[in-house]
Amino acid sequence: MNTPTIKTRIPAKAKKGEIIEIKAQITHDMETGQRKDAGGMPLARRIIKKFVCTWNAEVVISADWYTAMSANPLITFTALAEKSGPIKLAFHDDNGEIYEATADVVVE
């Protein structure tokens, strides 16, 4: 598997009190551990098991994911714009790796 990449759609600006939509997709094969390779050996389980979004270090959303998630999972959610600052998206892998993307949002 290649190093996962994260695509995001986060508005750069928002009005105070506005509800903004945030989208993120990570390239990840989400291997369940149920499939076998050409030699008949099981492929090791490797999934994104947790997703966390913070805005100014406060949790906006946190979700536990399981093997039923598709490859290259996409998540869409909303957040209330209260003050300017960084939005950080973190995808936690089974093997302990964390893949992150950050975007600054200016609240006017």
PDB file of N, CA and C in Angstrom:
ATOM      1  N   MET A   1       0.835  -1.180   0.000  1.00  0.00           N
ATOM      2  CA  MET A   1       0.000   0.000   0.000  1.00  0.00           C
ATOM      3  C   MET A   1       0.880   1.244   0.000  1.00  0.00           C
ATOM      4  N   ASN A   2       0.503   2.214  -0.809  1.00  0.00           N
ATOM      5  CA  ASN A   2       1.207   3.498  -0.841  1.00  0.00           C
ATOM      6  C   ASN A   2       0.839   4.311   0.393  1.00  0.00           C
ATOM      7  N   THR A   3       1.613   5.352   0.649  1.00  0.00           N
ATOM      8  CA  THR A   3       1.299   6.239   1.763  1.00  0.00           C
ATOM      9  C   THR A   3      -0.050   6.899   1.493  1.00  0.00           C
ATOM     10  N   PRO A   4      -0.969   6.809   2.447  1.00  0.00           N
ATOM     11  CA  PRO A   4      -2.284   7.425   2.243  1.00  0.00           C
ATOM     12  C   PRO A   4      -2.188   8.932   2.041  1.00  0.00           C
ATOM     13  N   THR A   5      -3.056   9.455   1.194  1.00  0.00           N
ATOM     14  CA  THR A   5      -3.169  10.890   0.995  1.00  0.00           C
ATOM     15  C   THR A   5      -4.581  11.314   1.379  1.00  0.00           C
ATOM     16  N   ILE A   6      -4.695  12.555   1.812  1.00  0.00           N
ATOM     17  CA  ILE A   6      -5.984  13.069   2.255  1.00  0.00           C
ATOM     18  C   ILE A   6      -6.391  14.225   1.347  1.00  0.00           C
ATOM     19  N   LYS A   7      -7.605  14.144   0.828  1.00  0.00           N
ATOM     20  CA  LYS A   7      -8.197  15.240   0.063  1.00  0.00           C
ATOM     21  C   LYS A   7      -9.250  15.883   0.961  1.00  0.00           C
ATOM     22  N   THR A   8      -9.269  17.211   0.988  1.00  0.00           N
ATOM     23  CA  THR A   8     -10.249  17.894   1.824  1.00  0.00           C
ATOM     24  C   THR A   8     -10.984  18.966   1.042  1.00  0.00           C
ATOM     25  N   ARG A   9     -12.147  19.294   1.539  1.00  0.00           N
ATOM     26  CA  ARG A   9     -12.901  20.448   1.051  1.00  0.00           C
ATOM     27  C   ARG A   9     -13.399  21.175   2.304  1.00  0.00           C
ATOM     28  N   ILE A  10     -12.667  22.227   2.648  1.00  0.00           N
ATOM     29  CA  ILE A  10     -12.959  23.024   3.835  1.00  0.00           C
ATOM     30  C   ILE A  10     -12.954  24.483   3.401  1.00  0.00           C
ATOM     31  N   PRO A  11     -14.023  25.234   3.700  1.00  0.00           N
ATOM     32  CA  PRO A  11     -14.029  26.633   3.275  1.00  0.00           C
ATOM     33  C   PRO A  11     -12.936  27.433   3.984  1.00  0.00           C
ATOM     34  N   ALA A  12     -12.316  28.350   3.266  1.00  0.00           N
ATOM     35  CA  ALA A  12     -11.249  29.182   3.840  1.00  0.00           C
ATOM     36  C   ALA A  12     -11.819  30.289   4.718  1.00  0.00           C
ATOM     37  N   LYS A  13     -13.066  30.707   4.450  1.00  0.00           N
ATOM     38  CA  LYS A  13     -13.715  31.770   5.216  1.00  0.00           C
ATOM     39  C   LYS A  13     -15.130  31.362   5.571  1.00  0.00           C
ATOM     40  N   ALA A  14     -15.599  31.895   6.697  1.00  0.00           N
ATOM     41  CA  ALA A  14     -16.983  31.672   7.121  1.00  0.00           C
ATOM     42  C   ALA A  14     -17.425  32.861   7.951  1.00  0.00           C
ATOM     43  N   LYS A  15     -18.722  33.081   8.004  1.00  0.00           N
ATOM     44  CA  LYS A  15     -19.268  34.136   8.859  1.00  0.00           C
ATOM     45  C   LYS A  15     -19.525  33.547  10.245  1.00  0.00           C
ATOM     46  N   LYS A  16     -19.338  34.358  11.269  1.00  0.00           N
ATOM     47  CA  LYS A  16     -19.584  33.900  12.631  1.00  0.00           C
ATOM     48  C   LYS A  16     -21.029  33.401  12.742  1.00  0.00           C
ATOM     49  N   GLY A  17     -21.194  32.199  13.274  1.00  0.00           N
ATOM     50  CA  GLY A  17     -22.517  31.594  13.413  1.00  0.00           C
ATOM     51  C   GLY A  17     -22.943  30.739  12.230  1.00  0.00           C
ATOM     52  N   GLU A  18     -22.169  30.767  11.152  1.00  0.00           N
ATOM     53  CA  GLU A  18     -22.484  29.979   9.956  1.00  0.00           C
ATOM     54  C   GLU A  18     -22.148  28.502  10.188  1.00  0.00           C
ATOM     55  N   ILE A  19     -22.952  27.647   9.610  1.00  0.00           N
ATOM     56  CA  ILE A  19     -22.661  26.213   9.645  1.00  0.00           C
ATOM     57  C   ILE A  19     -21.948  25.878   8.342  1.00  0.00           C
ATOM     58  N   ILE A  20     -20.725  25.345   8.468  1.00  0.00           N
ATOM     59  CA  ILE A  20     -19.937  25.019   7.275  1.00  0.00           C
ATOM     60  C   ILE A  20     -19.895  23.502   7.074  1.00  0.00           C
ATOM     61  N   GLU A  21     -19.737  23.115   5.825  1.00  0.00           N
ATOM     62  CA  GLU A  21     -19.606  21.700   5.488  1.00  0.00           C
ATOM     63  C   GLU A  21     -18.135  21.368   5.294  1.00  0.00           C
ATOM     64  N   ILE A  22     -17.730  20.247   5.880  1.00  0.00           N
ATOM     65  CA  ILE A  22     -16.355  19.765   5.776  1.00  0.00           C
ATOM     66  C   ILE A  22     -16.396  18.386   5.145  1.00  0.00           C
ATOM     67  N   LYS A  23     -15.547  18.171   4.139  1.00  0.00           N
ATOM     68  CA  LYS A  23     -15.447  16.872   3.480  1.00  0.00           C
ATOM     69  C   LYS A  23     -13.993  16.434   3.511  1.00  0.00           C
ATOM     70  N   ALA A  24     -13.779  15.140   3.716  1.00  0.00           N
ATOM     71  CA  ALA A  24     -12.425  14.587   3.689  1.00  0.00           C
ATOM     72  C   ALA A  24     -12.472  13.160   3.166  1.00  0.00           C
ATOM     73  N   GLN A  25     -11.472  12.832   2.355  1.00  0.00           N
ATOM     74  CA  GLN A  25     -11.337  11.468   1.841  1.00  0.00           C
ATOM     75  C   GLN A  25      -9.875  11.069   1.951  1.00  0.00           C
ATOM     76  N   ILE A  26      -9.651   9.859   2.428  1.00  0.00           N
ATOM     77  CA  ILE A  26      -8.296   9.341   2.544  1.00  0.00           C
ATOM     78  C   ILE A  26      -8.144   8.150   1.606  1.00  0.00           C
ATOM     79  N   THR A  27      -7.015   8.092   0.900  1.00  0.00           N
ATOM     80  CA  THR A  27      -6.738   6.936   0.046  1.00  0.00           C
ATOM     81  C   THR A  27      -6.173   5.838   0.950  1.00  0.00           C
ATOM     82  N   HIS A  28      -6.960   4.822   1.165  1.00  0.00           N
ATOM     83  CA  HIS A  28      -6.584   3.743   2.074  1.00  0.00           C
ATOM     84  C   HIS A  28      -7.347   2.496   1.656  1.00  0.00           C
ATOM     85  N   ASP A  29      -6.660   1.349   1.584  1.00  0.00           N
ATOM     86  CA  ASP A  29      -7.327   0.139   1.088  1.00  0.00           C
ATOM     87  C   ASP A  29      -8.281  -0.494   2.095  1.00  0.00           C
ATOM     88  N   MET A  30      -8.207  -0.119   3.371  1.00  0.00           N
ATOM     89  CA  MET A  30      -9.108  -0.634   4.405  1.00  0.00           C
ATOM     90  C   MET A  30      -9.183  -2.173   4.344  1.00  0.00           C
ATOM     91  N   GLU A  31      -8.037  -2.812   4.429  1.00  0.00           N
ATOM     92  CA  GLU A  31      -7.956  -4.284   4.353  1.00  0.00           C
ATOM     93  C   GLU A  31      -8.555  -4.900   5.614  1.00  0.00           C
ATOM     94  N   THR A  32      -9.573  -5.741   5.440  1.00  0.00           N
ATOM     95  CA  THR A  32     -10.328  -6.304   6.571  1.00  0.00           C
ATOM     96  C   THR A  32      -9.647  -7.471   7.266  1.00  0.00           C
ATOM     97  N   GLY A  33      -8.687  -8.097   6.603  1.00  0.00           N
ATOM     98  CA  GLY A  33      -8.066  -9.292   7.163  1.00  0.00           C
ATOM     99  C   GLY A  33      -8.782 -10.575   6.739  1.00  0.00           C
ATOM    100  N   GLN A  34      -9.827 -10.450   5.954  1.00  0.00           N
ATOM    101  CA  GLN A  34     -10.615 -11.602   5.512  1.00  0.00           C
ATOM    102  C   GLN A  34     -10.168 -12.155   4.158  1.00  0.00           C
ATOM    103  N   ARG A  35      -9.487 -11.330   3.363  1.00  0.00           N
ATOM    104  CA  ARG A  35      -9.067 -11.774   2.032  1.00  0.00           C
ATOM    105  C   ARG A  35      -7.750 -12.524   2.112  1.00  0.00           C
ATOM    106  N   LYS A  36      -7.465 -13.268   1.042  1.00  0.00           N
ATOM    107  CA  LYS A  36      -6.213 -14.026   0.962  1.00  0.00           C
ATOM    108  C   LYS A  36      -5.419 -13.581  -0.254  1.00  0.00           C
ATOM    109  N   ASP A  37      -4.092 -13.720  -0.161  1.00  0.00           N
ATOM    110  CA  ASP A  37      -3.234 -13.372  -1.285  1.00  0.00           C
ATOM    111  C   ASP A  37      -3.224 -14.514  -2.293  1.00  0.00           C
ATOM    112  N   ALA A  38      -2.453 -14.378  -3.362  1.00  0.00           N
ATOM    113  CA  ALA A  38      -2.392 -15.391  -4.424  1.00  0.00           C
ATOM    114  C   ALA A  38      -1.935 -16.743  -3.896  1.00  0.00           C
ATOM    115  N   GLY A  39      -1.160 -16.758  -2.828  1.00  0.00           N
ATOM    116  CA  GLY A  39      -0.675 -18.009  -2.239  1.00  0.00           C
ATOM    117  C   GLY A  39      -1.615 -18.613  -1.212  1.00  0.00           C
ATOM    118  N   GLY A  40      -2.757 -17.981  -0.994  1.00  0.00           N
ATOM    119  CA  GLY A  40      -3.742 -18.506  -0.057  1.00  0.00           C
ATOM    120  C   GLY A  40      -3.545 -18.044   1.386  1.00  0.00           C
ATOM    121  N   MET A  41      -2.584 -17.164   1.597  1.00  0.00           N
ATOM    122  CA  MET A  41      -2.325 -16.666   2.951  1.00  0.00           C
ATOM    123  C   MET A  41      -3.209 -15.436   3.223  1.00  0.00           C
ATOM    124  N   PRO A  42      -3.743 -15.327   4.439  1.00  0.00           N
ATOM    125  CA  PRO A  42      -4.583 -14.172   4.753  1.00  0.00           C
ATOM    126  C   PRO A  42      -3.779 -12.867   4.710  1.00  0.00           C
ATOM    127  N   LEU A  43      -4.396 -11.839   4.150  1.00  0.00           N
ATOM    128  CA  LEU A  43      -3.794 -10.511   4.159  1.00  0.00           C
ATOM    129  C   LEU A  43      -4.037  -9.891   5.537  1.00  0.00           C
ATOM    130  N   ALA A  44      -3.053  -9.244   6.087  1.00  0.00           N
ATOM    131  CA  ALA A  44      -3.173  -8.650   7.417  1.00  0.00           C
ATOM    132  C   ALA A  44      -4.225  -7.545   7.441  1.00  0.00           C
ATOM    133  N   ARG A  45      -4.966  -7.492   8.529  1.00  0.00           N
ATOM    134  CA  ARG A  45      -5.959  -6.437   8.704  1.00  0.00           C
ATOM    135  C   ARG A  45      -5.231  -5.104   8.824  1.00  0.00           C
ATOM    136  N   ARG A  46      -5.745  -4.101   8.136  1.00  0.00           N
ATOM    137  CA  ARG A  46      -5.200  -2.747   8.220  1.00  0.00           C
ATOM    138  C   ARG A  46      -6.304  -1.786   7.814  1.00  0.00           C
ATOM    139  N   ILE A  47      -6.914  -1.168   8.810  1.00  0.00           N
ATOM    140  CA  ILE A  47      -8.002  -0.230   8.552  1.00  0.00           C
ATOM    141  C   ILE A  47      -7.760   1.076   9.308  1.00  0.00           C
ATOM    142  N   ILE A  48      -8.457   2.107   8.878  1.00  0.00           N
ATOM    143  CA  ILE A  48      -8.532   3.338   9.660  1.00  0.00           C
ATOM    144  C   ILE A  48      -9.559   3.037  10.743  1.00  0.00           C
ATOM    145  N   LYS A  49      -9.135   3.085  12.005  1.00  0.00           N
ATOM    146  CA  LYS A  49     -10.048   2.701  13.083  1.00  0.00           C
ATOM    147  C   LYS A  49     -10.676   3.888  13.797  1.00  0.00           C
ATOM    148  N   LYS A  50     -10.124   5.092  13.596  1.00  0.00           N
ATOM    149  CA  LYS A  50     -10.680   6.261  14.260  1.00  0.00           C
ATOM    150  C   LYS A  50     -10.439   7.509  13.412  1.00  0.00           C
ATOM    151  N   PHE A  51     -11.442   8.374  13.411  1.00  0.00           N
ATOM    152  CA  PHE A  51     -11.346   9.666  12.751  1.00  0.00           C
ATOM    153  C   PHE A  51     -11.683  10.736  13.781  1.00  0.00           C
ATOM    154  N   VAL A  52     -10.850  11.792  13.840  1.00  0.00           N
ATOM    155  CA  VAL A  52     -11.094  12.899  14.767  1.00  0.00           C
ATOM    156  C   VAL A  52     -10.870  14.214  14.026  1.00  0.00           C
ATOM    157  N   CYS A  53     -11.824  15.135  14.180  1.00  0.00           N
ATOM    158  CA  CYS A  53     -11.669  16.493  13.650  1.00  0.00           C
ATOM    159  C   CYS A  53     -11.696  17.452  14.826  1.00  0.00           C
ATOM    160  N   THR A  54     -10.701  18.352  14.864  1.00  0.00           N
ATOM    161  CA  THR A  54     -10.684  19.398  15.881  1.00  0.00           C
ATOM    162  C   THR A  54     -10.634  20.763  15.197  1.00  0.00           C
ATOM    163  N   TRP A  55     -11.210  21.757  15.876  1.00  0.00           N
ATOM    164  CA  TRP A  55     -11.141  23.140  15.414  1.00  0.00           C
ATOM    165  C   TRP A  55     -10.657  23.949  16.609  1.00  0.00           C
ATOM    166  N   ASN A  56      -9.515  24.577  16.465  1.00  0.00           N
ATOM    167  CA  ASN A  56      -8.880  25.272  17.579  1.00  0.00           C
ATOM    168  C   ASN A  56      -8.681  24.323  18.764  1.00  0.00           C
ATOM    169  N   ALA A  57      -8.271  23.100  18.479  1.00  0.00           N
ATOM    170  CA  ALA A  57      -7.969  22.053  19.465  1.00  0.00           C
ATOM    171  C   ALA A  57      -9.193  21.542  20.226  1.00  0.00           C
ATOM    172  N   GLU A  58     -10.397  21.929  19.806  1.00  0.00           N
ATOM    173  CA  GLU A  58     -11.620  21.403  20.401  1.00  0.00           C
ATOM    174  C   GLU A  58     -12.238  20.388  19.436  1.00  0.00           C
ATOM    175  N   VAL A  59     -12.652  19.242  19.969  1.00  0.00           N
ATOM    176  CA  VAL A  59     -13.196  18.180  19.120  1.00  0.00           C
ATOM    177  C   VAL A  59     -14.527  18.612  18.513  1.00  0.00           C
ATOM    178  N   VAL A  60     -14.598  18.504  17.182  1.00  0.00           N
ATOM    179  CA  VAL A  60     -15.830  18.769  16.440  1.00  0.00           C
ATOM    180  C   VAL A  60     -16.584  17.459  16.257  1.00  0.00           C
ATOM    181  N   ILE A  61     -15.848  16.415  15.867  1.00  0.00           N
ATOM    182  CA  ILE A  61     -16.431  15.094  15.652  1.00  0.00           C
ATOM    183  C   ILE A  61     -15.347  14.049  15.891  1.00  0.00           C
ATOM    184  N   SER A  62     -15.765  12.929  16.439  1.00  0.00           N
ATOM    185  CA  SER A  62     -14.881  11.787  16.633  1.00  0.00           C
ATOM    186  C   SER A  62     -15.687  10.542  16.290  1.00  0.00           C
ATOM    187  N   ALA A  63     -15.118   9.660  15.474  1.00  0.00           N
ATOM    188  CA  ALA A  63     -15.844   8.477  15.034  1.00  0.00           C
ATOM    189  C   ALA A  63     -14.930   7.258  15.041  1.00  0.00           C
ATOM    190  N   ASP A  64     -15.444   6.155  15.563  1.00  0.00           N
ATOM    191  CA  ASP A  64     -14.739   4.876  15.489  1.00  0.00           C
ATOM    192  C   ASP A  64     -15.218   4.155  14.237  1.00  0.00           C
ATOM    193  N   TRP A  65     -14.273   3.667  13.451  1.00  0.00           N
ATOM    194  CA  TRP A  65     -14.610   2.969  12.220  1.00  0.00           C
ATOM    195  C   TRP A  65     -14.235   1.496  12.345  1.00  0.00           C
ATOM    196  N   TYR A  66     -14.945   0.659  11.609  1.00  0.00           N
ATOM    197  CA  TYR A  66     -14.736  -0.779  11.665  1.00  0.00           C
ATOM    198  C   TYR A  66     -14.539  -1.347  10.264  1.00  0.00           C
ATOM    199  N   THR A  67     -14.433  -2.651  10.156  1.00  0.00           N
ATOM    200  CA  THR A  67     -14.100  -3.293   8.884  1.00  0.00           C
ATOM    201  C   THR A  67     -15.156  -3.097   7.797  1.00  0.00           C
ATOM    202  N   ALA A  68     -16.342  -2.690   8.133  1.00  0.00           N
ATOM    203  CA  ALA A  68     -17.391  -2.495   7.127  1.00  0.00           C
ATOM    204  C   ALA A  68     -17.188  -1.215   6.302  1.00  0.00           C
ATOM    205  N   MET A  69     -16.231  -0.365   6.671  1.00  0.00           N
ATOM    206  CA  MET A  69     -15.954   0.856   5.916  1.00  0.00           C
ATOM    207  C   MET A  69     -15.331   0.493   4.569  1.00  0.00           C
ATOM    208  N   SER A  70     -15.704   1.245   3.560  1.00  0.00           N
ATOM    209  CA  SER A  70     -15.170   0.985   2.224  1.00  0.00           C
ATOM    210  C   SER A  70     -13.730   1.475   2.101  1.00  0.00           C
ATOM    211  N   ALA A  71     -13.075   1.007   1.061  1.00  0.00           N
ATOM    212  CA  ALA A  71     -11.745   1.529   0.732  1.00  0.00           C
ATOM    213  C   ALA A  71     -11.896   3.004   0.376  1.00  0.00           C
ATOM    214  N   ASN A  72     -10.851   3.779   0.635  1.00  0.00           N
ATOM    215  CA  ASN A  72     -10.848   5.214   0.341  1.00  0.00           C
ATOM    216  C   ASN A  72     -12.059   5.922   0.946  1.00  0.00           C
ATOM    217  N   PRO A  73     -12.254   5.781   2.271  1.00  0.00           N
ATOM    218  CA  PRO A  73     -13.461   6.332   2.890  1.00  0.00           C
ATOM    219  C   PRO A  73     -13.561   7.847   2.785  1.00  0.00           C
ATOM    220  N   LEU A  74     -14.801   8.294   2.606  1.00  0.00           N
ATOM    221  CA  LEU A  74     -15.152   9.710   2.502  1.00  0.00           C
ATOM    222  C   LEU A  74     -16.053  10.057   3.677  1.00  0.00           C
ATOM    223  N   ILE A  75     -15.780  11.168   4.340  1.00  0.00           N
ATOM    224  CA  ILE A  75     -16.633  11.620   5.434  1.00  0.00           C
ATOM    225  C   ILE A  75     -17.051  13.052   5.161  1.00  0.00           C
ATOM    226  N   THR A  76     -18.324  13.353   5.436  1.00  0.00           N
ATOM    227  CA  THR A  76     -18.874  14.690   5.293  1.00  0.00           C
ATOM    228  C   THR A  76     -19.618  15.022   6.576  1.00  0.00           C
ATOM    229  N   PHE A  77     -19.374  16.212   7.113  1.00  0.00           N
ATOM    230  CA  PHE A  77     -20.051  16.630   8.336  1.00  0.00           C
ATOM    231  C   PHE A  77     -20.077  18.153   8.370  1.00  0.00           C
ATOM    232  N   THR A  78     -20.775  18.714   9.347  1.00  0.00           N
ATOM    233  CA  THR A  78     -20.867  20.159   9.471  1.00  0.00           C
ATOM    234  C   THR A  78     -20.286  20.617  10.804  1.00  0.00           C
ATOM    235  N   ALA A  79     -19.922  21.910  10.849  1.00  0.00           N
ATOM    236  CA  ALA A  79     -19.392  22.511  12.062  1.00  0.00           C
ATOM    237  C   ALA A  79     -19.866  23.951  12.146  1.00  0.00           C
ATOM    238  N   LEU A  80     -20.021  24.454  13.364  1.00  0.00           N
ATOM    239  CA  LEU A  80     -20.451  25.820  13.604  1.00  0.00           C
ATOM    240  C   LEU A  80     -19.231  26.729  13.670  1.00  0.00           C
ATOM    241  N   ALA A  81     -19.210  27.753  12.833  1.00  0.00           N
ATOM    242  CA  ALA A  81     -18.085  28.698  12.798  1.00  0.00           C
ATOM    243  C   ALA A  81     -18.225  29.685  13.949  1.00  0.00           C
ATOM    244  N   GLU A  82     -17.292  29.602  14.901  1.00  0.00           N
ATOM    245  CA  GLU A  82     -17.332  30.512  16.052  1.00  0.00           C
ATOM    246  C   GLU A  82     -16.135  31.451  16.086  1.00  0.00           C
ATOM    247  N   LYS A  83     -14.927  30.910  15.815  1.00  0.00           N
ATOM    248  CA  LYS A  83     -13.743  31.768  15.774  1.00  0.00           C
ATOM    249  C   LYS A  83     -12.710  31.186  14.825  1.00  0.00           C
ATOM    250  N   SER A  84     -11.891  32.062  14.285  1.00  0.00           N
ATOM    251  CA  SER A  84     -10.860  31.658  13.329  1.00  0.00           C
ATOM    252  C   SER A  84      -9.874  30.693  13.969  1.00  0.00           C
ATOM    253  N   GLY A  85      -9.314  29.841  13.126  1.00  0.00           N
ATOM    254  CA  GLY A  85      -8.287  28.930  13.614  1.00  0.00           C
ATOM    255  C   GLY A  85      -8.167  27.696  12.746  1.00  0.00           C
ATOM    256  N   PRO A  86      -7.249  26.812  13.134  1.00  0.00           N
ATOM    257  CA  PRO A  86      -6.997  25.611  12.328  1.00  0.00           C
ATOM    258  C   PRO A  86      -8.017  24.498  12.580  1.00  0.00           C
ATOM    259  N   ILE A  87      -8.398  23.867  11.488  1.00  0.00           N
ATOM    260  CA  ILE A  87      -9.179  22.633  11.546  1.00  0.00           C
ATOM    261  C   ILE A  87      -8.200  21.516  11.240  1.00  0.00           C
ATOM    262  N   LYS A  88      -8.132  20.533  12.131  1.00  0.00           N
ATOM    263  CA  LYS A  88      -7.220  19.399  11.933  1.00  0.00           C
ATOM    264  C   LYS A  88      -8.038  18.120  11.812  1.00  0.00           C
ATOM    265  N   LEU A  89      -7.757  17.373  10.765  1.00  0.00           N
ATOM    266  CA  LEU A  89      -8.386  16.079  10.526  1.00  0.00           C
ATOM    267  C   LEU A  89      -7.342  15.002  10.775  1.00  0.00           C
ATOM    268  N   ALA A  90      -7.678  14.000  11.591  1.00  0.00           N
ATOM    269  CA  ALA A  90      -6.726  12.940  11.920  1.00  0.00           C
ATOM    270  C   ALA A  90      -7.374  11.576  11.707  1.00  0.00           C
ATOM    271  N   PHE A  91      -6.718  10.762  10.886  1.00  0.00           N
ATOM    272  CA  PHE A  91      -7.153   9.397  10.607  1.00  0.00           C
ATOM    273  C   PHE A  91      -6.177   8.451  11.310  1.00  0.00           C
ATOM    274  N   HIS A  92      -6.661   7.634  12.228  1.00  0.00           N
ATOM    275  CA  HIS A  92      -5.824   6.736  13.025  1.00  0.00           C
ATOM    276  C   HIS A  92      -5.901   5.321  12.443  1.00  0.00           C
ATOM    277  N   ASP A  93      -4.763   4.763  12.073  1.00  0.00           N
ATOM    278  CA  ASP A  93      -4.652   3.442  11.461  1.00  0.00           C
ATOM    279  C   ASP A  93      -4.490   2.368  12.546  1.00  0.00           C
ATOM    280  N   ASP A  94      -4.859   1.121  12.200  1.00  0.00           N
ATOM    281  CA  ASP A  94      -4.677  -0.033  13.093  1.00  0.00           C
ATOM    282  C   ASP A  94      -3.246  -0.168  13.602  1.00  0.00           C
ATOM    283  N   ASN A  95      -2.284   0.167  12.752  1.00  0.00           N
ATOM    284  CA  ASN A  95      -0.885  -0.058  13.119  1.00  0.00           C
ATOM    285  C   ASN A  95      -0.278   1.110  13.899  1.00  0.00           C
ATOM    286  N   GLY A  96      -1.114   2.047  14.337  1.00  0.00           N
ATOM    287  CA  GLY A  96      -0.648   3.153  15.164  1.00  0.00           C
ATOM    288  C   GLY A  96      -0.280   4.414  14.408  1.00  0.00           C
ATOM    289  N   GLU A  97      -0.285   4.367  13.094  1.00  0.00           N
ATOM    290  CA  GLU A  97       0.035   5.564  12.319  1.00  0.00           C
ATOM    291  C   GLU A  97      -1.155   6.531  12.330  1.00  0.00           C
ATOM    292  N   ILE A  98      -0.836   7.816  12.296  1.00  0.00           N
ATOM    293  CA  ILE A  98      -1.868   8.849  12.232  1.00  0.00           C
ATOM    294  C   ILE A  98      -1.578   9.709  11.007  1.00  0.00           C
ATOM    295  N   TYR A  99      -2.572   9.845  10.141  1.00  0.00           N
ATOM    296  CA  TYR A  99      -2.454  10.655   8.932  1.00  0.00           C
ATOM    297  C   TYR A  99      -3.282  11.910   9.163  1.00  0.00           C
ATOM    298  N   GLU A 100      -2.671  13.085   8.947  1.00  0.00           N
ATOM    299  CA  GLU A 100      -3.333  14.333   9.280  1.00  0.00           C
ATOM    300  C   GLU A 100      -3.368  15.326   8.125  1.00  0.00           C
ATOM    301  N   ALA A 101      -4.390  16.156   8.141  1.00  0.00           N
ATOM    302  CA  ALA A 101      -4.496  17.291   7.228  1.00  0.00           C
ATOM    303  C   ALA A 101      -5.000  18.466   8.057  1.00  0.00           C
ATOM    304  N   THR A 102      -4.493  19.658   7.744  1.00  0.00           N
ATOM    305  CA  THR A 102      -4.892  20.859   8.492  1.00  0.00           C
ATOM    306  C   THR A 102      -5.240  21.976   7.510  1.00  0.00           C
ATOM    307  N   ALA A 103      -6.252  22.748   7.873  1.00  0.00           N
ATOM    308  CA  ALA A 103      -6.644  23.908   7.073  1.00  0.00           C
ATOM    309  C   ALA A 103      -7.032  25.036   8.021  1.00  0.00           C
ATOM    310  N   ASP A 104      -6.620  26.253   7.691  1.00  0.00           N
ATOM    311  CA  ASP A 104      -6.991  27.420   8.490  1.00  0.00           C
ATOM    312  C   ASP A 104      -8.292  28.003   7.949  1.00  0.00           C
ATOM    313  N   VAL A 105      -9.208  28.328   8.865  1.00  0.00           N
ATOM    314  CA  VAL A 105     -10.471  28.943   8.493  1.00  0.00           C
ATOM    315  C   VAL A 105     -10.567  30.298   9.190  1.00  0.00           C
ATOM    316  N   VAL A 106     -10.858  31.342   8.418  1.00  0.00           N
ATOM    317  CA  VAL A 106     -11.009  32.679   8.952  1.00  0.00           C
ATOM    318  C   VAL A 106     -12.505  32.918   9.163  1.00  0.00           C
ATOM    319  N   VAL A 107     -12.861  33.218  10.402  1.00  0.00           N
ATOM    320  CA  VAL A 107     -14.260  33.510  10.749  1.00  0.00           C
ATOM    321  C   VAL A 107     -14.394  35.025  10.888  1.00  0.00           C
ATOM    322  N   GLU A 108     -15.290  35.587  10.089  1.00  0.00           N
ATOM    323  CA  GLU A 108     -15.468  37.059  10.063  1.00  0.00           C
ATOM    324  C   GLU A 108     -16.715  37.460  10.817  1.00  0.00           C
TER     325      GLU A 108
END
